[in-house]
PDB file of all heavy atoms in Angstrom:
ATOM      1  N   ARG A   1      -9.120  -0.970  -0.118  1.00  0.00           N
ATOM      2  CA  ARG A   1      -9.820  -0.021   0.750  1.00  0.00           C
ATOM      3  C   ARG A   1      -9.298  -0.273   2.169  1.00  0.00           C
ATOM      4  O   ARG A   1      -9.957  -0.867   3.017  1.00  0.00           O
ATOM      5  CB  ARG A   1     -11.333  -0.220   0.633  1.00  0.00           C
ATOM      6  CG  ARG A   1     -11.838   0.247  -0.728  1.00  0.00           C
ATOM      7  CD  ARG A   1     -13.174  -0.301  -1.145  1.00  0.00           C
ATOM      8  NE  ARG A   1     -14.271   0.051  -0.272  1.00  0.00           N
ATOM      9  CZ  ARG A   1     -15.533  -0.310  -0.502  1.00  0.00           C
ATOM     10  NH1 ARG A   1     -15.841  -1.011  -1.596  1.00  0.00           N
ATOM     11  NH2 ARG A   1     -16.485   0.024   0.337  1.00  0.00           N
ATOM     12  N   ILE A   2      -8.065   0.162   2.375  1.00  0.00           N
ATOM     13  CA  ILE A   2      -7.278  -0.220   3.547  1.00  0.00           C
ATOM     14  C   ILE A   2      -7.892   0.280   4.857  1.00  0.00           C
ATOM     15  O   ILE A   2      -7.925  -0.459   5.849  1.00  0.00           O
ATOM     16  CB  ILE A   2      -5.811   0.261   3.390  1.00  0.00           C
ATOM     17  CG1 ILE A   2      -5.179  -0.363   2.141  1.00  0.00           C
ATOM     18  CG2 ILE A   2      -4.990  -0.065   4.619  1.00  0.00           C
ATOM     19  CD1 ILE A   2      -5.171  -1.875   2.106  1.00  0.00           C
ATOM     20  N   ASP A   3      -8.387   1.512   4.886  1.00  0.00           N
ATOM     21  CA  ASP A   3      -8.975   2.043   6.126  1.00  0.00           C
ATOM     22  C   ASP A   3     -10.183   1.230   6.556  1.00  0.00           C
ATOM     23  O   ASP A   3     -10.371   0.954   7.746  1.00  0.00           O
ATOM     24  CB  ASP A   3      -9.362   3.520   5.961  1.00  0.00           C
ATOM     25  CG  ASP A   3      -8.141   4.423   5.884  1.00  0.00           C
ATOM     26  OD1 ASP A   3      -7.070   4.016   6.379  1.00  0.00           O
ATOM     27  OD2 ASP A   3      -8.250   5.532   5.312  1.00  0.00           O
ATOM     28  N   GLU A   4     -11.016   0.838   5.582  1.00  0.00           N
ATOM     29  CA  GLU A   4     -12.200   0.037   5.907  1.00  0.00           C
ATOM     30  C   GLU A   4     -11.797  -1.366   6.368  1.00  0.00           C
ATOM     31  O   GLU A   4     -12.408  -1.929   7.285  1.00  0.00           O
ATOM     32  CB  GLU A   4     -13.138  -0.027   4.702  1.00  0.00           C
ATOM     33  CG  GLU A   4     -13.809   1.305   4.415  1.00  0.00           C
ATOM     34  CD  GLU A   4     -14.410   1.364   3.027  1.00  0.00           C
ATOM     35  OE1 GLU A   4     -13.622   1.482   2.058  1.00  0.00           O
ATOM     36  OE2 GLU A   4     -15.634   1.291   2.917  1.00  0.00           O
ATOM     37  N   ALA A   5     -10.765  -1.923   5.735  1.00  0.00           N
ATOM     38  CA  ALA A   5     -10.261  -3.237   6.156  1.00  0.00           C
ATOM     39  C   ALA A   5      -9.743  -3.158   7.589  1.00  0.00           C
ATOM     40  O   ALA A   5     -10.049  -4.015   8.424  1.00  0.00           O
ATOM     41  CB  ALA A   5      -9.146  -3.703   5.215  1.00  0.00           C
ATOM     42  N   LEU A   6      -8.987  -2.112   7.888  1.00  0.00           N
ATOM     43  CA  LEU A   6      -8.448  -1.921   9.234  1.00  0.00           C
ATOM     44  C   LEU A   6      -9.571  -1.832  10.253  1.00  0.00           C
ATOM     45  O   LEU A   6      -9.509  -2.452  11.322  1.00  0.00           O
ATOM     46  CB  LEU A   6      -7.587  -0.659   9.281  1.00  0.00           C
ATOM     47  CG  LEU A   6      -6.961  -0.306  10.632  1.00  0.00           C
ATOM     48  CD1 LEU A   6      -6.020  -1.411  11.108  1.00  0.00           C
ATOM     49  CD2 LEU A   6      -6.215   1.024  10.547  1.00  0.00           C
ATOM     50  N   ASP A   7     -10.620  -1.102   9.909  1.00  0.00           N
ATOM     51  CA  ASP A   7     -11.773  -0.951  10.798  1.00  0.00           C
ATOM     52  C   ASP A   7     -12.401  -2.315  11.116  1.00  0.00           C
ATOM     53  O   ASP A   7     -12.702  -2.618  12.270  1.00  0.00           O
ATOM     54  CB  ASP A   7     -12.800  -0.018  10.144  1.00  0.00           C
ATOM     55  CG  ASP A   7     -13.934   0.325  11.088  1.00  0.00           C
ATOM     56  OD1 ASP A   7     -13.658   0.647  12.257  1.00  0.00           O
ATOM     57  OD2 ASP A   7     -15.111   0.272  10.658  1.00  0.00           O
ATOM     58  N   CYS A   8     -12.557  -3.156  10.083  1.00  0.00           N
ATOM     59  CA  CYS A   8     -13.116  -4.505  10.282  1.00  0.00           C
ATOM     60  C   CYS A   8     -12.259  -5.328  11.244  1.00  0.00           C
ATOM     61  O   CYS A   8     -12.770  -5.950  12.175  1.00  0.00           O
ATOM     62  CB  CYS A   8     -13.225  -5.250   8.950  1.00  0.00           C
ATOM     63  SG  CYS A   8     -14.491  -4.634   7.849  1.00  0.00           S
ATOM     64  N   PHE A   9     -10.950  -5.314  11.017  1.00  0.00           N
ATOM     65  CA  PHE A   9     -10.072  -6.150  11.835  1.00  0.00           C
ATOM     66  C   PHE A   9      -9.920  -5.615  13.260  1.00  0.00           C
ATOM     67  O   PHE A   9      -9.753  -6.397  14.198  1.00  0.00           O
ATOM     68  CB  PHE A   9      -8.722  -6.356  11.143  1.00  0.00           C
ATOM     69  CG  PHE A   9      -8.829  -7.235   9.932  1.00  0.00           C
ATOM     70  CD1 PHE A   9      -8.516  -6.749   8.668  1.00  0.00           C
ATOM     71  CD2 PHE A   9      -9.277  -8.540  10.039  1.00  0.00           C
ATOM     72  CE1 PHE A   9      -8.630  -7.545   7.546  1.00  0.00           C
ATOM     73  CE2 PHE A   9      -9.397  -9.357   8.917  1.00  0.00           C
ATOM     74  CZ  PHE A   9      -9.078  -8.856   7.665  1.00  0.00           C
ATOM     75  N   LEU A  10     -10.008  -4.301  13.434  1.00  0.00           N
ATOM     76  CA  LEU A  10      -9.983  -3.748  14.801  1.00  0.00           C
ATOM     77  C   LEU A  10     -11.246  -4.135  15.562  1.00  0.00           C
ATOM     78  O   LEU A  10     -11.190  -4.466  16.752  1.00  0.00           O
ATOM     79  CB  LEU A  10      -9.810  -2.231  14.768  1.00  0.00           C
ATOM     80  CG  LEU A  10      -8.409  -1.733  14.391  1.00  0.00           C
ATOM     81  CD1 LEU A  10      -8.401  -0.226  14.185  1.00  0.00           C
ATOM     82  CD2 LEU A  10      -7.378  -2.139  15.446  1.00  0.00           C
ATOM     83  N   LYS A  11     -12.393  -4.130  14.872  1.00  0.00           N
ATOM     84  CA  LYS A  11     -13.644  -4.584  15.503  1.00  0.00           C
ATOM     85  C   LYS A  11     -13.536  -6.053  15.883  1.00  0.00           C
ATOM     86  O   LYS A  11     -13.942  -6.467  16.968  1.00  0.00           O
ATOM     87  CB  LYS A  11     -14.832  -4.393  14.550  1.00  0.00           C
ATOM     88  CG  LYS A  11     -15.317  -2.967  14.444  1.00  0.00           C
ATOM     89  CD  LYS A  11     -16.475  -2.877  13.451  1.00  0.00           C
ATOM     90  CE  LYS A  11     -16.858  -1.437  13.197  1.00  0.00           C
ATOM     91  NZ  LYS A  11     -17.772  -1.307  12.042  1.00  0.00           N
ATOM     92  N   LEU A  12     -12.976  -6.846  14.963  1.00  0.00           N
ATOM     93  CA  LEU A  12     -12.795  -8.277  15.232  1.00  0.00           C
ATOM     94  C   LEU A  12     -11.872  -8.505  16.412  1.00  0.00           C
ATOM     95  O   LEU A  12     -12.107  -9.393  17.234  1.00  0.00           O
ATOM     96  CB  LEU A  12     -12.198  -8.965  14.006  1.00  0.00           C
ATOM     97  CG  LEU A  12     -13.151  -9.724  13.108  1.00  0.00           C
ATOM     98  CD1 LEU A  12     -12.411 -10.258  11.899  1.00  0.00           C
ATOM     99  CD2 LEU A  12     -13.833 -10.857  13.836  1.00  0.00           C
ATOM    100  N   HIS A  13     -10.816  -7.700  16.494  1.00  0.00           N
ATOM    101  CA  HIS A  13      -9.864  -7.839  17.601  1.00  0.00           C
ATOM    102  C   HIS A  13     -10.556  -7.584  18.943  1.00  0.00           C
ATOM    103  O   HIS A  13     -10.241  -8.236  19.941  1.00  0.00           O
ATOM    104  CB  HIS A  13      -8.684  -6.884  17.414  1.00  0.00           C
ATOM    105  CG  HIS A  13      -7.678  -6.958  18.520  1.00  0.00           C
ATOM    106  ND1 HIS A  13      -6.981  -8.109  18.818  1.00  0.00           N
ATOM    107  CD2 HIS A  13      -7.269  -6.030  19.419  1.00  0.00           C
ATOM    108  CE1 HIS A  13      -6.184  -7.886  19.847  1.00  0.00           C
ATOM    109  NE2 HIS A  13      -6.341  -6.632  20.227  1.00  0.00           N
ATOM    110  N   ALA A  14     -11.525  -6.662  18.953  1.00  0.00           N
ATOM    111  CA  ALA A  14     -12.281  -6.396  20.181  1.00  0.00           C
ATOM    112  C   ALA A  14     -13.119  -7.613  20.574  1.00  0.00           C
ATOM    113  O   ALA A  14     -13.302  -7.896  21.760  1.00  0.00           O
ATOM    114  CB  ALA A  14     -13.173  -5.174  19.992  1.00  0.00           C
ATOM    115  N   ILE A  15     -13.610  -8.367  19.569  1.00  0.00           N
ATOM    116  CA  ILE A  15     -14.432  -9.556  19.829  1.00  0.00           C
ATOM    117  C   ILE A  15     -13.547 -10.763  20.123  1.00  0.00           C
ATOM    118  O   ILE A  15     -13.828 -11.556  21.019  1.00  0.00           O
ATOM    119  CB  ILE A  15     -15.348  -9.858  18.621  1.00  0.00           C
ATOM    120  CG1 ILE A  15     -16.283  -8.678  18.331  1.00  0.00           C
ATOM    121  CG2 ILE A  15     -16.179 -11.115  18.857  1.00  0.00           C
ATOM    122  CD1 ILE A  15     -16.977  -8.750  16.966  1.00  0.00           C
ATOM    123  N   LEU A  16     -12.464 -10.915  19.343  1.00  0.00           N
ATOM    124  CA  LEU A  16     -11.565 -12.082  19.451  1.00  0.00           C
ATOM    125  C   LEU A  16     -10.137 -11.607  19.701  1.00  0.00           C
ATOM    126  O   LEU A  16      -9.301 -11.626  18.801  1.00  0.00           O
ATOM    127  CB  LEU A  16     -11.610 -12.897  18.153  1.00  0.00           C
ATOM    128  CG  LEU A  16     -12.969 -13.374  17.647  1.00  0.00           C
ATOM    129  CD1 LEU A  16     -12.865 -13.872  16.219  1.00  0.00           C
ATOM    130  CD2 LEU A  16     -13.505 -14.472  18.550  1.00  0.00           C
ATOM    131  N   PRO A  17      -9.825 -11.171  20.931  1.00  0.00           N
ATOM    132  CA  PRO A  17      -8.510 -10.564  21.183  1.00  0.00           C
ATOM    133  C   PRO A  17      -7.318 -11.501  21.010  1.00  0.00           C
ATOM    134  O   PRO A  17      -6.199 -11.038  20.800  1.00  0.00           O
ATOM    135  CB  PRO A  17      -8.616 -10.076  22.631  1.00  0.00           C
ATOM    136  CG  PRO A  17      -9.751 -10.827  23.231  1.00  0.00           C
ATOM    137  CD  PRO A  17     -10.676 -11.186  22.116  1.00  0.00           C
ATOM    138  N   SER A  18      -7.535 -12.816  21.051  1.00  0.00           N
ATOM    139  CA  SER A  18      -6.406 -13.751  20.929  1.00  0.00           C
ATOM    140  C   SER A  18      -6.382 -14.480  19.594  1.00  0.00           C
ATOM    141  O   SER A  18      -5.685 -15.482  19.447  1.00  0.00           O
ATOM    142  CB  SER A  18      -6.462 -14.787  22.062  1.00  0.00           C
ATOM    143  OG  SER A  18      -6.350 -14.133  23.298  1.00  0.00           O
ATOM    144  N   SER A  19      -7.129 -13.993  18.614  1.00  0.00           N
ATOM    145  CA  SER A  19      -7.163 -14.665  17.313  1.00  0.00           C
ATOM    146  C   SER A  19      -5.881 -14.379  16.543  1.00  0.00           C
ATOM    147  O   SER A  19      -5.596 -13.228  16.189  1.00  0.00           O
ATOM    148  CB  SER A  19      -8.374 -14.203  16.505  1.00  0.00           C
ATOM    149  OG  SER A  19      -8.246 -14.623  15.163  1.00  0.00           O
ATOM    150  N   ALA A  20      -5.124 -15.439  16.249  1.00  0.00           N
ATOM    151  CA  ALA A  20      -3.861 -15.287  15.520  1.00  0.00           C
ATOM    152  C   ALA A  20      -4.101 -14.707  14.127  1.00  0.00           C
ATOM    153  O   ALA A  20      -3.343 -13.854  13.660  1.00  0.00           O
ATOM    154  CB  ALA A  20      -3.152 -16.634  15.418  1.00  0.00           C
ATOM    155  N   GLN A  21      -5.191 -15.151  13.456  1.00  0.00           N
ATOM    156  CA  GLN A  21      -5.473 -14.659  12.104  1.00  0.00           C
ATOM    157  C   GLN A  21      -5.740 -13.158  12.108  1.00  0.00           C
ATOM    158  O   GLN A  21      -5.265 -12.432  11.232  1.00  0.00           O
ATOM    159  CB  GLN A  21      -6.692 -15.381  11.506  1.00  0.00           C
ATOM    160  CG  GLN A  21      -6.451 -16.838  11.206  1.00  0.00           C
ATOM    161  CD  GLN A  21      -6.874 -17.736  12.352  1.00  0.00           C
ATOM    162  OE1 GLN A  21      -6.855 -17.343  13.509  1.00  0.00           O
ATOM    163  NE2 GLN A  21      -7.248 -18.958  12.024  1.00  0.00           N
ATOM    164  N   VAL A  22      -6.495 -12.692  13.110  1.00  0.00           N
ATOM    165  CA  VAL A  22      -6.837 -11.270  13.180  1.00  0.00           C
ATOM    166  C   VAL A  22      -5.577 -10.447  13.469  1.00  0.00           C
ATOM    167  O   VAL A  22      -5.333  -9.416  12.832  1.00  0.00           O
ATOM    168  CB  VAL A  22      -7.924 -11.015  14.250  1.00  0.00           C
ATOM    169  CG1 VAL A  22      -8.170  -9.520  14.437  1.00  0.00           C
ATOM    170  CG2 VAL A  22      -9.222 -11.721  13.868  1.00  0.00           C
ATOM    171  N   LEU A  23      -4.759 -10.902  14.407  1.00  0.00           N
ATOM    172  CA  LEU A  23      -3.515 -10.194  14.732  1.00  0.00           C
ATOM    173  C   LEU A  23      -2.609 -10.114  13.502  1.00  0.00           C
ATOM    174  O   LEU A  23      -2.005  -9.077  13.223  1.00  0.00           O
ATOM    175  CB  LEU A  23      -2.793 -10.888  15.891  1.00  0.00           C
ATOM    176  CG  LEU A  23      -3.495 -10.819  17.254  1.00  0.00           C
ATOM    177  CD1 LEU A  23      -2.850 -11.782  18.236  1.00  0.00           C
ATOM    178  CD2 LEU A  23      -3.477  -9.405  17.803  1.00  0.00           C
ATOM    179  N   TYR A  24      -2.543 -11.206  12.745  1.00  0.00           N
ATOM    180  CA  TYR A  24      -1.711 -11.228  11.540  1.00  0.00           C
ATOM    181  C   TYR A  24      -2.234 -10.218  10.513  1.00  0.00           C
ATOM    182  O   TYR A  24      -1.455  -9.480   9.905  1.00  0.00           O
ATOM    183  CB  TYR A  24      -1.670 -12.629  10.921  1.00  0.00           C
ATOM    184  CG  TYR A  24      -0.820 -12.672   9.681  1.00  0.00           C
ATOM    185  CD1 TYR A  24       0.560 -12.789   9.780  1.00  0.00           C
ATOM    186  CD2 TYR A  24      -1.382 -12.538   8.419  1.00  0.00           C
ATOM    187  CE1 TYR A  24       1.361 -12.787   8.646  1.00  0.00           C
ATOM    188  CE2 TYR A  24      -0.593 -12.536   7.280  1.00  0.00           C
ATOM    189  CZ  TYR A  24       0.780 -12.664   7.406  1.00  0.00           C
ATOM    190  OH  TYR A  24       1.567 -12.653   6.279  1.00  0.00           O
ATOM    191  N   GLN A  25      -3.548 -10.194  10.318  1.00  0.00           N
ATOM    192  CA  GLN A  25      -4.127  -9.258   9.340  1.00  0.00           C
ATOM    193  C   GLN A  25      -3.878  -7.808   9.756  1.00  0.00           C
ATOM    194  O   GLN A  25      -3.582  -6.956   8.908  1.00  0.00           O
ATOM    195  CB  GLN A  25      -5.634  -9.512   9.171  1.00  0.00           C
ATOM    196  CG  GLN A  25      -5.975 -10.799   8.453  1.00  0.00           C
ATOM    197  CD  GLN A  25      -5.403 -10.901   7.051  1.00  0.00           C
ATOM    198  OE1 GLN A  25      -5.170  -9.891   6.382  1.00  0.00           O
ATOM    199  NE2 GLN A  25      -5.163 -12.108   6.601  1.00  0.00           N
ATOM    200  N   LEU A  26      -3.973  -7.516  11.045  1.00  0.00           N
ATOM    201  CA  LEU A  26      -3.704  -6.156  11.520  1.00  0.00           C
ATOM    202  C   LEU A  26      -2.253  -5.758  11.230  1.00  0.00           C
ATOM    203  O   LEU A  26      -1.992  -4.657  10.739  1.00  0.00           O
ATOM    204  CB  LEU A  26      -4.022  -6.042  13.014  1.00  0.00           C
ATOM    205  CG  LEU A  26      -5.514  -5.962  13.340  1.00  0.00           C
ATOM    206  CD1 LEU A  26      -5.766  -6.258  14.811  1.00  0.00           C
ATOM    207  CD2 LEU A  26      -6.086  -4.597  12.973  1.00  0.00           C
ATOM    208  N   ALA A  27      -1.329  -6.671  11.509  1.00  0.00           N
ATOM    209  CA  ALA A  27       0.086  -6.391  11.226  1.00  0.00           C
ATOM    210  C   ALA A  27       0.293  -6.175   9.730  1.00  0.00           C
ATOM    211  O   ALA A  27       0.988  -5.239   9.312  1.00  0.00           O
ATOM    212  CB  ALA A  27       0.956  -7.551  11.720  1.00  0.00           C
ATOM    213  N   SER A  28      -0.339  -7.018   8.928  1.00  0.00           N
ATOM    214  CA  SER A  28      -0.204  -6.933   7.474  1.00  0.00           C
ATOM    215  C   SER A  28      -0.737  -5.598   6.945  1.00  0.00           C
ATOM    216  O   SER A  28      -0.124  -4.971   6.078  1.00  0.00           O
ATOM    217  CB  SER A  28      -0.966  -8.103   6.836  1.00  0.00           C
ATOM    218  OG  SER A  28      -1.021  -7.967   5.453  1.00  0.00           O
ATOM    219  N   ILE A  29      -1.864  -5.152   7.485  1.00  0.00           N
ATOM    220  CA  ILE A  29      -2.458  -3.882   7.040  1.00  0.00           C
ATOM    221  C   ILE A  29      -1.555  -2.710   7.409  1.00  0.00           C
ATOM    222  O   ILE A  29      -1.327  -1.807   6.593  1.00  0.00           O
ATOM    223  CB  ILE A  29      -3.879  -3.712   7.613  1.00  0.00           C
ATOM    224  CG1 ILE A  29      -4.832  -4.622   6.846  1.00  0.00           C
ATOM    225  CG2 ILE A  29      -4.341  -2.266   7.526  1.00  0.00           C
ATOM    226  CD1 ILE A  29      -6.220  -4.698   7.396  1.00  0.00           C
ATOM    227  N   TYR A  30      -1.007  -2.729   8.628  1.00  0.00           N
ATOM    228  CA  TYR A  30      -0.102  -1.643   9.002  1.00  0.00           C
ATOM    229  C   TYR A  30       1.163  -1.650   8.148  1.00  0.00           C
ATOM    230  O   TYR A  30       1.743  -0.601   7.871  1.00  0.00           O
ATOM    231  CB  TYR A  30       0.227  -1.685  10.492  1.00  0.00           C
ATOM    232  CG  TYR A  30      -0.849  -1.034  11.319  1.00  0.00           C
ATOM    233  CD1 TYR A  30      -1.672  -1.789  12.139  1.00  0.00           C
ATOM    234  CD2 TYR A  30      -1.065   0.346  11.260  1.00  0.00           C
ATOM    235  CE1 TYR A  30      -2.687  -1.191  12.895  1.00  0.00           C
ATOM    236  CE2 TYR A  30      -2.064   0.954  12.002  1.00  0.00           C
ATOM    237  CZ  TYR A  30      -2.874   0.180  12.811  1.00  0.00           C
ATOM    238  OH  TYR A  30      -3.881   0.782  13.536  1.00  0.00           O
ATOM    239  N   GLN A  31       1.570  -2.826   7.698  1.00  0.00           N
ATOM    240  CA  GLN A  31       2.719  -2.896   6.794  1.00  0.00           C
ATOM    241  C   GLN A  31       2.374  -2.255   5.445  1.00  0.00           C
ATOM    242  O   GLN A  31       3.172  -1.508   4.891  1.00  0.00           O
ATOM    243  CB  GLN A  31       3.128  -4.359   6.593  1.00  0.00           C
ATOM    244  CG  GLN A  31       4.613  -4.538   6.593  1.00  0.00           C
ATOM    245  CD  GLN A  31       5.043  -5.979   6.480  1.00  0.00           C
ATOM    246  OE1 GLN A  31       4.309  -6.908   6.812  1.00  0.00           O
ATOM    247  NE2 GLN A  31       6.245  -6.172   6.005  1.00  0.00           N
ATOM    248  N   VAL A  32       1.168  -2.530   4.957  1.00  0.00           N
ATOM    249  CA  VAL A  32       0.701  -1.925   3.705  1.00  0.00           C
ATOM    250  C   VAL A  32       0.618  -0.402   3.863  1.00  0.00           C
ATOM    251  O   VAL A  32       0.936   0.348   2.942  1.00  0.00           O
ATOM    252  CB  VAL A  32      -0.680  -2.497   3.301  1.00  0.00           C
ATOM    253  CG1 VAL A  32      -1.301  -1.703   2.160  1.00  0.00           C
ATOM    254  CG2 VAL A  32      -0.558  -3.965   2.916  1.00  0.00           C
ATOM    255  N   MET A  33       0.213   0.047   5.062  1.00  0.00           N
ATOM    256  CA  MET A  33       0.094   1.486   5.339  1.00  0.00           C
ATOM    257  C   MET A  33       1.455   2.127   5.615  1.00  0.00           C
ATOM    258  O   MET A  33       1.534   3.305   5.934  1.00  0.00           O
ATOM    259  CB  MET A  33      -0.836   1.712   6.545  1.00  0.00           C
ATOM    260  CG  MET A  33      -2.270   1.314   6.284  1.00  0.00           C
ATOM    261  SD  MET A  33      -3.265   1.319   7.797  1.00  0.00           S
ATOM    262  CE  MET A  33      -3.653   3.059   7.933  1.00  0.00           C
ATOM    263  N   GLU A  34       2.510   1.318   5.513  1.00  0.00           N
ATOM    264  CA  GLU A  34       3.887   1.768   5.751  1.00  0.00           C
ATOM    265  C   GLU A  34       4.065   2.360   7.147  1.00  0.00           C
ATOM    266  O   GLU A  34       4.665   3.419   7.323  1.00  0.00           O
ATOM    267  CB  GLU A  34       4.319   2.758   4.657  1.00  0.00           C
ATOM    268  CG  GLU A  34       4.352   2.105   3.288  1.00  0.00           C
ATOM    269  CD  GLU A  34       4.769   3.038   2.164  1.00  0.00           C
ATOM    270  OE1 GLU A  34       5.031   4.232   2.432  1.00  0.00           O
ATOM    271  OE2 GLU A  34       4.817   2.557   1.018  1.00  0.00           O
ATOM    272  N   ASP A  35       3.533   1.639   8.130  1.00  0.00           N
ATOM    273  CA  ASP A  35       3.703   1.999   9.541  1.00  0.00           C
ATOM    274  C   ASP A  35       4.370   0.803  10.235  1.00  0.00           C
ATOM    275  O   ASP A  35       3.699  -0.011  10.888  1.00  0.00           O
ATOM    276  CB  ASP A  35       2.340   2.316  10.165  1.00  0.00           C
ATOM    277  CG  ASP A  35       2.467   2.856  11.595  1.00  0.00           C
ATOM    278  OD1 ASP A  35       3.543   2.690  12.209  1.00  0.00           O
ATOM    279  OD2 ASP A  35       1.476   3.420  12.106  1.00  0.00           O
ATOM    280  N   PRO A  36       5.707   0.644  10.057  1.00  0.00           N
ATOM    281  CA  PRO A  36       6.378  -0.544  10.579  1.00  0.00           C
ATOM    282  C   PRO A  36       6.298  -0.685  12.097  1.00  0.00           C
ATOM    283  O   PRO A  36       6.254  -1.804  12.614  1.00  0.00           O
ATOM    284  CB  PRO A  36       7.825  -0.385  10.110  1.00  0.00           C
ATOM    285  CG  PRO A  36       7.979   1.046   9.749  1.00  0.00           C
ATOM    286  CD  PRO A  36       6.629   1.555   9.370  1.00  0.00           C
ATOM    287  N   ASN A  37       6.274   0.428  12.825  1.00  0.00           N
ATOM    288  CA  ASN A  37       6.204   0.326  14.290  1.00  0.00           C
ATOM    289  C   ASN A  37       4.915  -0.343  14.748  1.00  0.00           C
ATOM    290  O   ASN A  37       4.928  -1.203  15.636  1.00  0.00           O
ATOM    291  CB  ASN A  37       6.350   1.711  14.936  1.00  0.00           C
ATOM    292  CG  ASN A  37       7.745   2.265  14.750  1.00  0.00           C
ATOM    293  OD1 ASN A  37       8.719   1.513  14.706  1.00  0.00           O
ATOM    294  ND2 ASN A  37       7.855   3.580  14.606  1.00  0.00           N
ATOM    295  N   GLN A  38       3.788   0.054  14.130  1.00  0.00           N
ATOM    296  CA  GLN A  38       2.505  -0.589  14.470  1.00  0.00           C
ATOM    297  C   GLN A  38       2.509  -2.053  14.028  1.00  0.00           C
ATOM    298  O   GLN A  38       2.008  -2.920  14.746  1.00  0.00           O
ATOM    299  CB  GLN A  38       1.343   0.161  13.804  1.00  0.00           C
ATOM    300  CG  GLN A  38       0.878   1.380  14.557  1.00  0.00           C
ATOM    301  CD  GLN A  38       0.257   1.015  15.899  1.00  0.00           C
ATOM    302  OE1 GLN A  38      -0.432   0.013  16.048  1.00  0.00           O
ATOM    303  NE2 GLN A  38       0.522   1.836  16.891  1.00  0.00           N
ATOM    304  N   ALA A  39       3.074  -2.318  12.845  1.00  0.00           N
ATOM    305  CA  ALA A  39       3.142  -3.701  12.353  1.00  0.00           C
ATOM    306  C   ALA A  39       3.929  -4.562  13.333  1.00  0.00           C
ATOM    307  O   ALA A  39       3.516  -5.682  13.671  1.00  0.00           O
ATOM    308  CB  ALA A  39       3.784  -3.742  10.972  1.00  0.00           C
ATOM    309  N   ILE A  40       5.054  -4.033  13.832  1.00  0.00           N
ATOM    310  CA  ILE A  40       5.870  -4.765  14.809  1.00  0.00           C
ATOM    311  C   ILE A  40       5.079  -5.017  16.092  1.00  0.00           C
ATOM    312  O   ILE A  40       5.092  -6.131  16.638  1.00  0.00           O
ATOM    313  CB  ILE A  40       7.188  -4.004  15.102  1.00  0.00           C
ATOM    314  CG1 ILE A  40       8.136  -4.126  13.907  1.00  0.00           C
ATOM    315  CG2 ILE A  40       7.859  -4.505  16.375  1.00  0.00           C
ATOM    316  CD1 ILE A  40       9.358  -3.224  13.948  1.00  0.00           C
ATOM    317  N   GLU A  41       4.340  -4.006  16.564  1.00  0.00           N
ATOM    318  CA  GLU A  41       3.528  -4.165  17.787  1.00  0.00           C
ATOM    319  C   GLU A  41       2.549  -5.323  17.646  1.00  0.00           C
ATOM    320  O   GLU A  41       2.411  -6.149  18.546  1.00  0.00           O
ATOM    321  CB  GLU A  41       2.755  -2.873  18.092  1.00  0.00           C
ATOM    322  CG  GLU A  41       3.599  -1.751  18.659  1.00  0.00           C
ATOM    323  CD  GLU A  41       4.282  -2.133  19.971  1.00  0.00           C
ATOM    324  OE1 GLU A  41       3.602  -2.683  20.861  1.00  0.00           O
ATOM    325  OE2 GLU A  41       5.494  -1.899  20.094  1.00  0.00           O
TER     326      GLU A  41
END
């Protein structure tokens, strides 16, 4: 349920902007969504 997962991690990023785990999960989700530019960001 990728959209819901993305929503969770974006909320977390707002709370913990420097969390390495959260940033990694966001990149991983964008990779699953086949959006390499966002994953790279």
